[in-house]
PDB file of all heavy atoms in Angstrom:
ATOM      1  N   THR A   1     -68.219 221.708 -81.906  1.00  0.00           N
ATOM      2  CA  THR A   1     -69.637 221.381 -81.809  1.00  0.00           C
ATOM      3  C   THR A   1     -70.209 221.001 -83.284  1.00  0.00           C
ATOM      4  O   THR A   1     -69.575 221.062 -84.242  1.00  0.00           O
ATOM      5  CB  THR A   1     -70.445 222.625 -81.286  1.00  0.00           C
ATOM      6  OG1 THR A   1     -70.380 223.739 -82.217  1.00  0.00           O
ATOM      7  CG2 THR A   1     -69.887 223.089 -79.966  1.00  0.00           C
ATOM      8  N   GLU A   2     -71.459 220.603 -83.161  1.00  0.00           N
ATOM      9  CA  GLU A   2     -72.135 220.297 -84.399  1.00  0.00           C
ATOM     10  C   GLU A   2     -72.195 221.424 -85.453  1.00  0.00           C
ATOM     11  O   GLU A   2     -72.324 221.186 -86.659  1.00  0.00           O
ATOM     12  CB  GLU A   2     -73.527 219.676 -84.242  1.00  0.00           C
ATOM     13  CG  GLU A   2     -73.520 218.382 -83.405  1.00  0.00           C
ATOM     14  CD  GLU A   2     -74.989 217.828 -83.208  1.00  0.00           C
ATOM     15  OE1 GLU A   2     -75.936 218.573 -83.650  1.00  0.00           O
ATOM     16  OE2 GLU A   2     -75.037 216.760 -82.714  1.00  0.00           O
ATOM     17  N   ARG A   3     -72.146 222.648 -84.910  1.00  0.00           N
ATOM     18  CA  ARG A   3     -72.293 223.768 -85.776  1.00  0.00           C
ATOM     19  C   ARG A   3     -70.897 224.293 -86.112  1.00  0.00           C
ATOM     20  O   ARG A   3     -70.695 225.455 -86.710  1.00  0.00           O
ATOM     21  CB  ARG A   3     -72.991 224.988 -85.073  1.00  0.00           C
ATOM     22  CG  ARG A   3     -74.453 224.623 -84.868  1.00  0.00           C
ATOM     23  CD  ARG A   3     -75.153 225.749 -84.092  1.00  0.00           C
ATOM     24  NE  ARG A   3     -76.655 225.585 -84.002  1.00  0.00           N
ATOM     25  CZ  ARG A   3     -77.429 225.810 -84.931  1.00  0.00           C
ATOM     26  NH1 ARG A   3     -77.103 226.350 -86.041  1.00  0.00           N
ATOM     27  NH2 ARG A   3     -78.663 225.591 -84.785  1.00  0.00           N
ATOM     28  N   GLY A   4     -69.828 223.541 -85.871  1.00  0.00           N
ATOM     29  CA  GLY A   4     -68.466 223.893 -86.219  1.00  0.00           C
ATOM     30  C   GLY A   4     -67.793 224.953 -85.421  1.00  0.00           C
ATOM     31  O   GLY A   4     -66.857 225.610 -85.767  1.00  0.00           O
ATOM     32  N   VAL A   5     -68.311 225.087 -84.055  1.00  0.00           N
ATOM     33  CA  VAL A   5     -67.752 226.020 -83.224  1.00  0.00           C
ATOM     34  C   VAL A   5     -66.687 225.375 -82.274  1.00  0.00           C
ATOM     35  O   VAL A   5     -67.067 224.293 -81.675  1.00  0.00           O
ATOM     36  CB  VAL A   5     -68.856 226.733 -82.310  1.00  0.00           C
ATOM     37  CG1 VAL A   5     -68.292 227.737 -81.344  1.00  0.00           C
ATOM     38  CG2 VAL A   5     -69.871 227.361 -83.274  1.00  0.00           C
ATOM     39  N   VAL A   6     -65.506 225.975 -82.133  1.00  0.00           N
ATOM     40  CA  VAL A   6     -64.445 225.458 -81.215  1.00  0.00           C
ATOM     41  C   VAL A   6     -64.868 225.780 -79.804  1.00  0.00           C
ATOM     42  O   VAL A   6     -65.187 226.934 -79.385  1.00  0.00           O
ATOM     43  CB  VAL A   6     -63.125 226.048 -81.638  1.00  0.00           C
ATOM     44  CG1 VAL A   6     -62.028 225.419 -80.664  1.00  0.00           C
ATOM     45  CG2 VAL A   6     -62.839 225.775 -83.045  1.00  0.00           C
ATOM     46  N   THR A   7     -64.873 224.815 -78.885  1.00  0.00           N
ATOM     47  CA  THR A   7     -65.287 224.978 -77.441  1.00  0.00           C
ATOM     48  C   THR A   7     -64.095 225.642 -76.660  1.00  0.00           C
ATOM     49  O   THR A   7     -64.415 226.228 -75.600  1.00  0.00           O
ATOM     50  CB  THR A   7     -65.490 223.642 -76.819  1.00  0.00           C
ATOM     51  OG1 THR A   7     -64.221 222.771 -76.900  1.00  0.00           O
ATOM     52  CG2 THR A   7     -66.588 222.899 -77.483  1.00  0.00           C
ATOM     53  N   GLY A   8     -62.943 225.811 -77.130  1.00  0.00           N
ATOM     54  CA  GLY A   8     -61.803 226.489 -76.461  1.00  0.00           C
ATOM     55  C   GLY A   8     -60.629 226.706 -77.350  1.00  0.00           C
ATOM     56  O   GLY A   8     -60.451 225.999 -78.341  1.00  0.00           O
ATOM     57  N   GLU A   9     -59.763 227.722 -77.116  1.00  0.00           N
ATOM     58  CA  GLU A   9     -58.719 228.010 -77.980  1.00  0.00           C
ATOM     59  C   GLU A   9     -57.586 226.998 -77.644  1.00  0.00           C
ATOM     60  O   GLU A   9     -57.128 226.858 -76.478  1.00  0.00           O
ATOM     61  CB  GLU A   9     -58.194 229.467 -77.651  1.00  0.00           C
ATOM     62  CG  GLU A   9     -57.151 229.960 -78.690  1.00  0.00           C
ATOM     63  CD  GLU A   9     -56.939 231.343 -78.524  1.00  0.00           C
ATOM     64  OE1 GLU A   9     -57.689 231.990 -77.899  1.00  0.00           O
ATOM     65  OE2 GLU A   9     -55.845 231.795 -79.191  1.00  0.00           O
ATOM     66  N   PRO A  10     -57.068 226.330 -78.626  1.00  0.00           N
ATOM     67  CA  PRO A  10     -55.983 225.398 -78.555  1.00  0.00           C
ATOM     68  C   PRO A  10     -54.713 226.136 -77.842  1.00  0.00           C
ATOM     69  O   PRO A  10     -54.314 227.123 -78.499  1.00  0.00           O
ATOM     70  CB  PRO A  10     -55.670 224.893 -79.914  1.00  0.00           C
ATOM     71  CG  PRO A  10     -57.007 225.105 -80.618  1.00  0.00           C
ATOM     72  CD  PRO A  10     -57.386 226.386 -80.207  1.00  0.00           C
ATOM     73  N   ARG A  11     -54.220 225.549 -76.823  1.00  0.00           N
ATOM     74  CA  ARG A  11     -53.102 226.155 -76.142  1.00  0.00           C
ATOM     75  C   ARG A  11     -51.867 225.132 -76.004  1.00  0.00           C
ATOM     76  O   ARG A  11     -50.767 225.530 -76.098  1.00  0.00           O
ATOM     77  CB  ARG A  11     -53.351 226.636 -74.681  1.00  0.00           C
ATOM     78  CG  ARG A  11     -54.284 227.852 -74.648  1.00  0.00           C
ATOM     79  CD  ARG A  11     -53.619 229.042 -75.331  1.00  0.00           C
ATOM     80  NE  ARG A  11     -54.299 230.271 -75.198  1.00  0.00           N
ATOM     81  CZ  ARG A  11     -54.067 231.324 -75.824  1.00  0.00           C
ATOM     82  NH1 ARG A  11     -52.932 231.432 -76.616  1.00  0.00           N
ATOM     83  NH2 ARG A  11     -54.806 232.421 -75.565  1.00  0.00           N
ATOM     84  N   ARG A  12     -52.108 223.862 -75.895  1.00  0.00           N
ATOM     85  CA  ARG A  12     -51.024 222.883 -75.776  1.00  0.00           C
ATOM     86  C   ARG A  12     -51.481 221.623 -76.672  1.00  0.00           C
ATOM     87  O   ARG A  12     -52.732 221.298 -76.685  1.00  0.00           O
ATOM     88  CB  ARG A  12     -50.778 222.507 -74.337  1.00  0.00           C
ATOM     89  CG  ARG A  12     -50.189 223.686 -73.571  1.00  0.00           C
ATOM     90  CD  ARG A  12     -49.691 223.243 -72.170  1.00  0.00           C
ATOM     91  NE  ARG A  12     -51.032 222.666 -71.464  1.00  0.00           N
ATOM     92  CZ  ARG A  12     -50.926 221.607 -70.488  1.00  0.00           C
ATOM     93  NH1 ARG A  12     -49.799 221.116 -70.261  1.00  0.00           N
ATOM     94  NH2 ARG A  12     -51.965 221.286 -69.919  1.00  0.00           N
ATOM     95  N   PHE A  13     -50.490 220.921 -77.028  1.00  0.00           N
ATOM     96  CA  PHE A  13     -50.808 219.692 -77.669  1.00  0.00           C
ATOM     97  C   PHE A  13     -49.601 218.667 -77.586  1.00  0.00           C
ATOM     98  O   PHE A  13     -48.586 219.079 -77.280  1.00  0.00           O
ATOM     99  CB  PHE A  13     -51.155 219.835 -79.210  1.00  0.00           C
ATOM    100  CG  PHE A  13     -49.914 220.163 -80.104  1.00  0.00           C
ATOM    101  CD1 PHE A  13     -49.308 219.075 -80.870  1.00  0.00           C
ATOM    102  CD2 PHE A  13     -49.378 221.366 -80.206  1.00  0.00           C
ATOM    103  CE1 PHE A  13     -48.227 219.300 -81.605  1.00  0.00           C
ATOM    104  CE2 PHE A  13     -48.251 221.577 -80.938  1.00  0.00           C
ATOM    105  CZ  PHE A  13     -47.693 220.509 -81.642  1.00  0.00           C
ATOM    106  N   ARG A  14     -49.996 217.414 -77.575  1.00  0.00           N
ATOM    107  CA  ARG A  14     -48.883 216.323 -77.590  1.00  0.00           C
ATOM    108  C   ARG A  14     -49.353 215.202 -78.486  1.00  0.00           C
ATOM    109  O   ARG A  14     -50.518 215.004 -78.745  1.00  0.00           O
ATOM    110  CB  ARG A  14     -48.534 215.970 -76.251  1.00  0.00           C
ATOM    111  CG  ARG A  14     -49.589 215.201 -75.536  1.00  0.00           C
ATOM    112  CD  ARG A  14     -49.173 214.671 -74.182  1.00  0.00           C
ATOM    113  NE  ARG A  14     -50.243 213.951 -73.432  1.00  0.00           N
ATOM    114  CZ  ARG A  14     -50.098 213.370 -72.314  1.00  0.00           C
ATOM    115  NH1 ARG A  14     -48.852 213.547 -71.688  1.00  0.00           N
ATOM    116  NH2 ARG A  14     -51.003 212.841 -71.632  1.00  0.00           N
ATOM    117  N   VAL A  15     -48.407 214.426 -78.957  1.00  0.00           N
ATOM    118  CA  VAL A  15     -48.638 213.353 -79.881  1.00  0.00           C
ATOM    119  C   VAL A  15     -48.225 212.032 -79.223  1.00  0.00           C
ATOM    120  O   VAL A  15     -47.288 211.880 -78.526  1.00  0.00           O
ATOM    121  CB  VAL A  15     -47.844 213.598 -81.246  1.00  0.00           C
ATOM    122  CG1 VAL A  15     -48.074 212.442 -82.155  1.00  0.00           C
ATOM    123  CG2 VAL A  15     -48.179 214.909 -81.875  1.00  0.00           C
ATOM    124  N   ASP A  16     -49.094 211.075 -79.555  1.00  0.00           N
ATOM    125  CA  ASP A  16     -48.773 209.713 -79.073  1.00  0.00           C
ATOM    126  C   ASP A  16     -48.633 209.638 -77.557  1.00  0.00           C
ATOM    127  O   ASP A  16     -47.776 208.940 -76.942  1.00  0.00           O
ATOM    128  CB  ASP A  16     -47.554 209.206 -79.689  1.00  0.00           C
ATOM    129  CG  ASP A  16     -47.546 207.629 -79.784  1.00  0.00           C
ATOM    130  OD1 ASP A  16     -48.471 207.091 -79.522  1.00  0.00           O
ATOM    131  OD2 ASP A  16     -46.450 207.119 -80.039  1.00  0.00           O
ATOM    132  N   GLY A  17     -49.666 210.175 -76.865  1.00  0.00           N
ATOM    133  CA  GLY A  17     -49.692 210.110 -75.315  1.00  0.00           C
ATOM    134  C   GLY A  17     -48.510 210.477 -74.651  1.00  0.00           C
ATOM    135  O   GLY A  17     -47.844 211.696 -74.887  1.00  0.00           O
ATOM    136  N   ALA A  18     -47.954 209.730 -73.730  1.00  0.00           N
ATOM    137  CA  ALA A  18     -46.859 210.185 -72.957  1.00  0.00           C
ATOM    138  C   ALA A  18     -45.586 210.031 -73.472  1.00  0.00           C
ATOM    139  O   ALA A  18     -44.520 210.376 -72.864  1.00  0.00           O
ATOM    140  CB  ALA A  18     -46.805 209.332 -71.546  1.00  0.00           C
ATOM    141  N   ALA A  19     -45.480 209.524 -74.716  1.00  0.00           N
ATOM    142  CA  ALA A  19     -44.132 209.351 -75.451  1.00  0.00           C
ATOM    143  C   ALA A  19     -43.559 210.699 -75.744  1.00  0.00           C
ATOM    144  O   ALA A  19     -42.402 210.776 -75.858  1.00  0.00           O
ATOM    145  CB  ALA A  19     -44.407 208.621 -76.664  1.00  0.00           C
ATOM    146  N   PHE A  20     -44.273 211.745 -75.990  1.00  0.00           N
ATOM    147  CA  PHE A  20     -43.834 213.029 -76.249  1.00  0.00           C
ATOM    148  C   PHE A  20     -44.362 214.054 -75.316  1.00  0.00           C
ATOM    149  O   PHE A  20     -45.544 214.000 -74.889  1.00  0.00           O
ATOM    150  CB  PHE A  20     -44.171 213.414 -77.714  1.00  0.00           C
ATOM    151  CG  PHE A  20     -43.529 212.560 -78.812  1.00  0.00           C
ATOM    152  CD1 PHE A  20     -44.258 211.442 -79.242  1.00  0.00           C
ATOM    153  CD2 PHE A  20     -42.341 212.848 -79.230  1.00  0.00           C
ATOM    154  CE1 PHE A  20     -43.575 210.560 -80.247  1.00  0.00           C
ATOM    155  CE2 PHE A  20     -41.788 212.124 -80.240  1.00  0.00           C
ATOM    156  CZ  PHE A  20     -42.393 210.904 -80.694  1.00  0.00           C
ATOM    157  N   PRO A  21     -43.595 215.095 -74.891  1.00  0.00           N
ATOM    158  CA  PRO A  21     -44.022 216.083 -73.971  1.00  0.00           C
ATOM    159  C   PRO A  21     -45.082 217.013 -74.606  1.00  0.00           C
ATOM    160  O   PRO A  21     -45.174 217.048 -75.738  1.00  0.00           O
ATOM    161  CB  PRO A  21     -42.721 216.837 -73.583  1.00  0.00           C
ATOM    162  CG  PRO A  21     -41.850 216.656 -74.733  1.00  0.00           C
ATOM    163  CD  PRO A  21     -42.124 215.248 -75.290  1.00  0.00           C
ATOM    164  N   TRP A  22     -45.754 217.661 -73.672  1.00  0.00           N
ATOM    165  CA  TRP A  22     -46.700 218.731 -74.086  1.00  0.00           C
ATOM    166  C   TRP A  22     -45.953 219.885 -74.806  1.00  0.00           C
ATOM    167  O   TRP A  22     -44.836 220.216 -74.434  1.00  0.00           O
ATOM    168  CB  TRP A  22     -47.430 219.311 -73.011  1.00  0.00           C
ATOM    169  CG  TRP A  22     -48.585 218.339 -72.529  1.00  0.00           C
ATOM    170  CD1 TRP A  22     -48.371 217.495 -71.443  1.00  0.00           C
ATOM    171  CD2 TRP A  22     -49.865 218.154 -73.000  1.00  0.00           C
ATOM    172  NE1 TRP A  22     -49.557 216.839 -71.225  1.00  0.00           N
ATOM    173  CE2 TRP A  22     -50.437 217.277 -72.145  1.00  0.00           C
ATOM    174  CE3 TRP A  22     -50.611 218.670 -74.082  1.00  0.00           C
ATOM    175  CZ2 TRP A  22     -51.812 216.771 -72.410  1.00  0.00           C
ATOM    176  CZ3 TRP A  22     -51.843 218.332 -74.330  1.00  0.00           C
ATOM    177  CH2 TRP A  22     -52.485 217.417 -73.537  1.00  0.00           C
ATOM    178  N   GLN A  23     -46.502 220.506 -75.785  1.00  0.00           N
ATOM    179  CA  GLN A  23     -45.839 221.526 -76.630  1.00  0.00           C
ATOM    180  C   GLN A  23     -46.823 222.689 -76.615  1.00  0.00           C
ATOM    181  O   GLN A  23     -47.942 222.577 -77.072  1.00  0.00           O
ATOM    182  CB  GLN A  23     -45.398 221.110 -77.847  1.00  0.00           C
ATOM    183  CG  GLN A  23     -44.549 222.090 -78.716  1.00  0.00           C
ATOM    184  CD  GLN A  23     -44.016 221.668 -80.007  1.00  0.00           C
ATOM    185  OE1 GLN A  23     -43.450 222.299 -80.679  1.00  0.00           O
ATOM    186  NE2 GLN A  23     -44.152 220.305 -80.251  1.00  0.00           N
ATOM    187  N   PRO A  24     -46.352 223.927 -76.328  1.00  0.00           N
ATOM    188  CA  PRO A  24     -47.234 225.121 -76.520  1.00  0.00           C
ATOM    189  C   PRO A  24     -47.662 225.324 -77.987  1.00  0.00           C
ATOM    190  O   PRO A  24     -46.845 225.117 -78.964  1.00  0.00           O
ATOM    191  CB  PRO A  24     -46.433 226.260 -75.903  1.00  0.00           C
ATOM    192  CG  PRO A  24     -45.377 225.584 -75.156  1.00  0.00           C
ATOM    193  CD  PRO A  24     -45.080 224.349 -75.743  1.00  0.00           C
ATOM    194  N   VAL A  25     -48.844 225.789 -78.182  1.00  0.00           N
ATOM    195  CA  VAL A  25     -49.330 226.279 -79.475  1.00  0.00           C
ATOM    196  C   VAL A  25     -49.052 227.687 -79.712  1.00  0.00           C
ATOM    197  O   VAL A  25     -49.602 228.567 -78.857  1.00  0.00           O
ATOM    198  CB  VAL A  25     -50.822 225.980 -79.628  1.00  0.00           C
ATOM    199  CG1 VAL A  25     -51.274 226.446 -81.033  1.00  0.00           C
ATOM    200  CG2 VAL A  25     -51.038 224.418 -79.536  1.00  0.00           C
ATOM    201  N   THR A  26     -48.208 228.052 -80.735  1.00  0.00           N
ATOM    202  CA  THR A  26     -47.841 229.489 -80.938  1.00  0.00           C
ATOM    203  C   THR A  26     -48.767 230.101 -82.013  1.00  0.00           C
ATOM    204  O   THR A  26     -48.956 231.275 -81.949  1.00  0.00           O
ATOM    205  CB  THR A  26     -46.514 229.644 -81.334  1.00  0.00           C
ATOM    206  OG1 THR A  26     -46.266 228.884 -82.543  1.00  0.00           O
ATOM    207  CG2 THR A  26     -45.532 229.200 -80.316  1.00  0.00           C
ATOM    208  N   ALA A  27     -49.382 229.288 -82.759  1.00  0.00           N
ATOM    209  CA  ALA A  27     -50.322 229.793 -83.843  1.00  0.00           C
ATOM    210  C   ALA A  27     -51.245 228.550 -84.263  1.00  0.00           C
ATOM    211  O   ALA A  27     -50.768 227.460 -84.318  1.00  0.00           O
ATOM    212  CB  ALA A  27     -49.614 230.428 -85.046  1.00  0.00           C
ATOM    213  N   TRP A  28     -52.444 228.938 -84.661  1.00  0.00           N
ATOM    214  CA  TRP A  28     -53.336 227.839 -85.162  1.00  0.00           C
ATOM    215  C   TRP A  28     -54.414 228.466 -86.092  1.00  0.00           C
ATOM    216  O   TRP A  28     -54.637 229.695 -86.125  1.00  0.00           O
ATOM    217  CB  TRP A  28     -54.035 227.107 -84.029  1.00  0.00           C
ATOM    218  CG  TRP A  28     -55.010 228.035 -83.228  1.00  0.00           C
ATOM    219  CD1 TRP A  28     -54.668 228.772 -82.158  1.00  0.00           C
ATOM    220  CD2 TRP A  28     -56.387 228.050 -83.278  1.00  0.00           C
ATOM    221  NE1 TRP A  28     -55.737 229.481 -81.701  1.00  0.00           N
ATOM    222  CE2 TRP A  28     -56.868 228.937 -82.369  1.00  0.00           C
ATOM    223  CE3 TRP A  28     -57.320 227.406 -84.091  1.00  0.00           C
ATOM    224  CZ2 TRP A  28     -58.270 229.199 -82.205  1.00  0.00           C
ATOM    225  CZ3 TRP A  28     -58.695 227.681 -83.982  1.00  0.00           C
ATOM    226  CH2 TRP A  28     -59.079 228.624 -83.046  1.00  0.00           C
ATOM    227  N   ALA A  29     -54.896 227.609 -86.982  1.00  0.00           N
ATOM    228  CA  ALA A  29     -55.907 228.010 -87.863  1.00  0.00           C
ATOM    229  C   ALA A  29     -57.038 226.894 -88.105  1.00  0.00           C
ATOM    230  O   ALA A  29     -56.666 225.765 -87.900  1.00  0.00           O
ATOM    231  CB  ALA A  29     -55.346 228.255 -89.226  1.00  0.00           C
ATOM    232  N   GLY A  30     -58.229 227.230 -88.266  1.00  0.00           N
ATOM    233  CA  GLY A  30     -59.255 226.255 -88.475  1.00  0.00           C
ATOM    234  C   GLY A  30     -60.556 226.734 -87.589  1.00  0.00           C
ATOM    235  O   GLY A  30     -60.519 227.825 -87.031  1.00  0.00           O
ATOM    236  N   PRO A  31     -61.426 225.830 -87.430  1.00  0.00           N
ATOM    237  CA  PRO A  31     -61.448 224.460 -88.020  1.00  0.00           C
ATOM    238  C   PRO A  31     -61.997 224.420 -89.460  1.00  0.00           C
ATOM    239  O   PRO A  31     -62.669 225.383 -89.838  1.00  0.00           O
ATOM    240  CB  PRO A  31     -62.456 223.788 -87.008  1.00  0.00           C
ATOM    241  CG  PRO A  31     -63.349 224.902 -86.651  1.00  0.00           C
ATOM    242  CD  PRO A  31     -62.639 226.047 -86.556  1.00  0.00           C
ATOM    243  N   TRP A  32     -61.676 223.336 -90.211  1.00  0.00           N
ATOM    244  CA  TRP A  32     -62.301 223.061 -91.464  1.00  0.00           C
ATOM    245  C   TRP A  32     -63.068 221.906 -91.248  1.00  0.00           C
ATOM    246  O   TRP A  32     -62.698 220.662 -91.374  1.00  0.00           O
ATOM    247  CB  TRP A  32     -61.148 222.846 -92.513  1.00  0.00           C
ATOM    248  CG  TRP A  32     -60.467 224.026 -92.950  1.00  0.00           C
ATOM    249  CD1 TRP A  32     -60.843 224.964 -93.819  1.00  0.00           C
ATOM    250  CD2 TRP A  32     -59.235 224.618 -92.437  1.00  0.00           C
ATOM    251  NE1 TRP A  32     -59.964 225.971 -93.908  1.00  0.00           N
ATOM    252  CE2 TRP A  32     -58.948 225.841 -93.045  1.00  0.00           C
ATOM    253  CE3 TRP A  32     -58.335 224.139 -91.396  1.00  0.00           C
ATOM    254  CZ2 TRP A  32     -57.786 226.583 -92.814  1.00  0.00           C
ATOM    255  CZ3 TRP A  32     -57.174 224.914 -91.293  1.00  0.00           C
ATOM    256  CH2 TRP A  32     -56.938 226.071 -91.883  1.00  0.00           C
ATOM    257  N   PRO A  33     -64.414 221.997 -90.954  1.00  0.00           N
ATOM    258  CA  PRO A  33     -65.232 220.887 -90.656  1.00  0.00           C
ATOM    259  C   PRO A  33     -65.764 220.131 -91.999  1.00  0.00           C
ATOM    260  O   PRO A  33     -65.909 220.743 -93.002  1.00  0.00           O
ATOM    261  CB  PRO A  33     -66.424 221.523 -89.957  1.00  0.00           C
ATOM    262  CG  PRO A  33     -66.523 222.938 -90.539  1.00  0.00           C
ATOM    263  CD  PRO A  33     -65.108 223.247 -90.912  1.00  0.00           C
ATOM    264  N   THR A  34     -65.804 218.837 -91.821  1.00  0.00           N
ATOM    265  CA  THR A  34     -66.418 217.961 -92.923  1.00  0.00           C
ATOM    266  C   THR A  34     -67.426 216.992 -92.276  1.00  0.00           C
ATOM    267  O   THR A  34     -67.272 216.619 -91.081  1.00  0.00           O
ATOM    268  CB  THR A  34     -65.305 217.162 -93.622  1.00  0.00           C
ATOM    269  OG1 THR A  34     -64.632 216.338 -92.664  1.00  0.00           O
ATOM    270  CG2 THR A  34     -64.360 218.169 -94.300  1.00  0.00           C
ATOM    271  N   ASP A  35     -68.307 216.449 -93.000  1.00  0.00           N
ATOM    272  CA  ASP A  35     -69.271 215.465 -92.491  1.00  0.00           C
ATOM    273  C   ASP A  35     -69.561 214.618 -93.686  1.00  0.00           C
ATOM    274  O   ASP A  35     -70.337 214.723 -94.592  1.00  0.00           O
ATOM    275  CB  ASP A  35     -70.618 216.182 -92.155  1.00  0.00           C
ATOM    276  CG  ASP A  35     -71.495 215.191 -91.427  1.00  0.00           C
ATOM    277  OD1 ASP A  35     -71.115 214.032 -91.157  1.00  0.00           O
ATOM    278  OD2 ASP A  35     -72.739 215.605 -91.113  1.00  0.00           O
ATOM    279  N   GLU A  36     -68.712 213.529 -93.763  1.00  0.00           N
ATOM    280  CA  GLU A  36     -68.661 212.671 -94.895  1.00  0.00           C
ATOM    281  C   GLU A  36     -68.570 211.208 -94.453  1.00  0.00           C
ATOM    282  O   GLU A  36     -68.040 210.901 -93.291  1.00  0.00           O
ATOM    283  CB  GLU A  36     -67.457 212.849 -95.867  1.00  0.00           C
ATOM    284  CG  GLU A  36     -66.188 212.905 -95.172  1.00  0.00           C
ATOM    285  CD  GLU A  36     -64.953 213.256 -96.045  1.00  0.00           C
ATOM    286  OE1 GLU A  36     -65.179 213.470 -97.325  1.00  0.00           O
ATOM    287  OE2 GLU A  36     -63.899 213.438 -95.534  1.00  0.00           O
ATOM    288  N   GLY A  37     -69.133 210.288 -95.264  1.00  0.00           N
ATOM    289  CA  GLY A  37     -69.023 208.945 -94.939  1.00  0.00           C
ATOM    290  C   GLY A  37     -69.926 208.356 -93.922  1.00  0.00           C
ATOM    291  O   GLY A  37     -69.952 207.177 -93.569  1.00  0.00           O
ATOM    292  N   TRP A  38     -70.893 209.273 -93.383  1.00  0.00           N
ATOM    293  CA  TRP A  38     -71.731 208.852 -92.319  1.00  0.00           C
ATOM    294  C   TRP A  38     -72.752 207.749 -92.816  1.00  0.00           C
ATOM    295  O   TRP A  38     -73.241 206.963 -92.118  1.00  0.00           O
ATOM    296  CB  TRP A  38     -72.466 210.091 -91.715  1.00  0.00           C
ATOM    297  CG  TRP A  38     -73.159 210.948 -92.802  1.00  0.00           C
ATOM    298  CD1 TRP A  38     -72.548 212.078 -93.378  1.00  0.00           C
ATOM    299  CD2 TRP A  38     -74.498 210.715 -93.324  1.00  0.00           C
ATOM    300  NE1 TRP A  38     -73.493 212.577 -94.349  1.00  0.00           N
ATOM    301  CE2 TRP A  38     -74.653 211.780 -94.266  1.00  0.00           C
ATOM    302  CE3 TRP A  38     -75.480 209.826 -93.141  1.00  0.00           C
ATOM    303  CZ2 TRP A  38     -75.853 211.979 -94.992  1.00  0.00           C
ATOM    304  CZ3 TRP A  38     -76.564 209.889 -93.974  1.00  0.00           C
ATOM    305  CH2 TRP A  38     -76.862 210.927 -94.774  1.00  0.00           C
ATOM    306  N   TRP A  39     -73.109 207.848 -94.113  1.00  0.00           N
ATOM    307  CA  TRP A  39     -74.132 206.887 -94.651  1.00  0.00           C
ATOM    308  C   TRP A  39     -73.527 205.512 -94.746  1.00  0.00           C
ATOM    309  O   TRP A  39     -74.289 204.530 -94.901  1.00  0.00           O
ATOM    310  CB  TRP A  39     -74.553 207.417 -96.068  1.00  0.00           C
ATOM    311  CG  TRP A  39     -73.481 207.645 -96.949  1.00  0.00           C
ATOM    312  CD1 TRP A  39     -72.781 206.703 -97.804  1.00  0.00           C
ATOM    313  CD2 TRP A  39     -72.626 208.870 -97.191  1.00  0.00           C
ATOM    314  NE1 TRP A  39     -71.882 207.226 -98.459  1.00  0.00           N
ATOM    315  CE2 TRP A  39     -71.629 208.630 -98.174  1.00  0.00           C
ATOM    316  CE3 TRP A  39     -72.822 210.144 -96.598  1.00  0.00           C
ATOM    317  CZ2 TRP A  39     -70.800 209.582 -98.614  1.00  0.00           C
ATOM    318  CZ3 TRP A  39     -71.905 211.076 -97.096  1.00  0.00           C
ATOM    319  CH2 TRP A  39     -70.908 210.771 -97.972  1.00  0.00           C
ATOM    320  N   SER A  40     -72.241 205.303 -94.828  1.00  0.00           N
ATOM    321  CA  SER A  40     -71.644 203.996 -94.848  1.00  0.00           C
ATOM    322  C   SER A  40     -70.839 203.631 -93.666  1.00  0.00           C
ATOM    323  O   SER A  40     -69.884 202.763 -93.645  1.00  0.00           O
ATOM    324  CB  SER A  40     -70.814 203.969 -96.176  1.00  0.00           C
ATOM    325  OG  SER A  40     -69.701 204.957 -96.041  1.00  0.00           O
ATOM    326  N   GLY A  41     -71.042 204.391 -92.557  1.00  0.00           N
ATOM    327  CA  GLY A  41     -70.350 203.990 -91.275  1.00  0.00           C
ATOM    328  C   GLY A  41     -68.890 204.512 -91.383  1.00  0.00           C
ATOM    329  O   GLY A  41     -67.984 203.893 -90.688  1.00  0.00           O
ATOM    330  N   GLY A  42     -68.593 205.650 -92.134  1.00  0.00           N
ATOM    331  CA  GLY A  42     -67.287 206.197 -92.203  1.00  0.00           C
ATOM    332  C   GLY A  42     -66.974 207.116 -91.111  1.00  0.00           C
ATOM    333  O   GLY A  42     -67.387 207.071 -89.934  1.00  0.00           O
ATOM    334  N   ALA A  43     -66.089 208.144 -91.403  1.00  0.00           N
ATOM    335  CA  ALA A  43     -65.524 208.958 -90.424  1.00  0.00           C
ATOM    336  C   ALA A  43     -66.644 209.883 -89.786  1.00  0.00           C
ATOM    337  O   ALA A  43     -66.604 210.160 -88.644  1.00  0.00           O
ATOM    338  CB  ALA A  43     -64.538 209.981 -91.061  1.00  0.00           C
ATOM    339  N   GLY A  44     -67.658 210.153 -90.497  1.00  0.00           N
ATOM    340  CA  GLY A  44     -68.722 211.060 -89.986  1.00  0.00           C
ATOM    341  C   GLY A  44     -68.231 212.550 -89.892  1.00  0.00           C
ATOM    342  O   GLY A  44     -67.386 213.063 -90.695  1.00  0.00           O
TER     343      GLY A  44
END
C-alpha cells in the first residue's frame, strides 16, 4: 500500500511466467519502500 503495508504474506513465487514452476517461500524480509523519480516519470 501507499503506507508501505504488505497486503498479504508472500507464500509462493515464480519467475518469467510459465517458464518456471511455482516455488514455496520459506523465508522473506521486507518491504523496503522507496518513492523516487516520480518528478521525472521514473519508477515512482
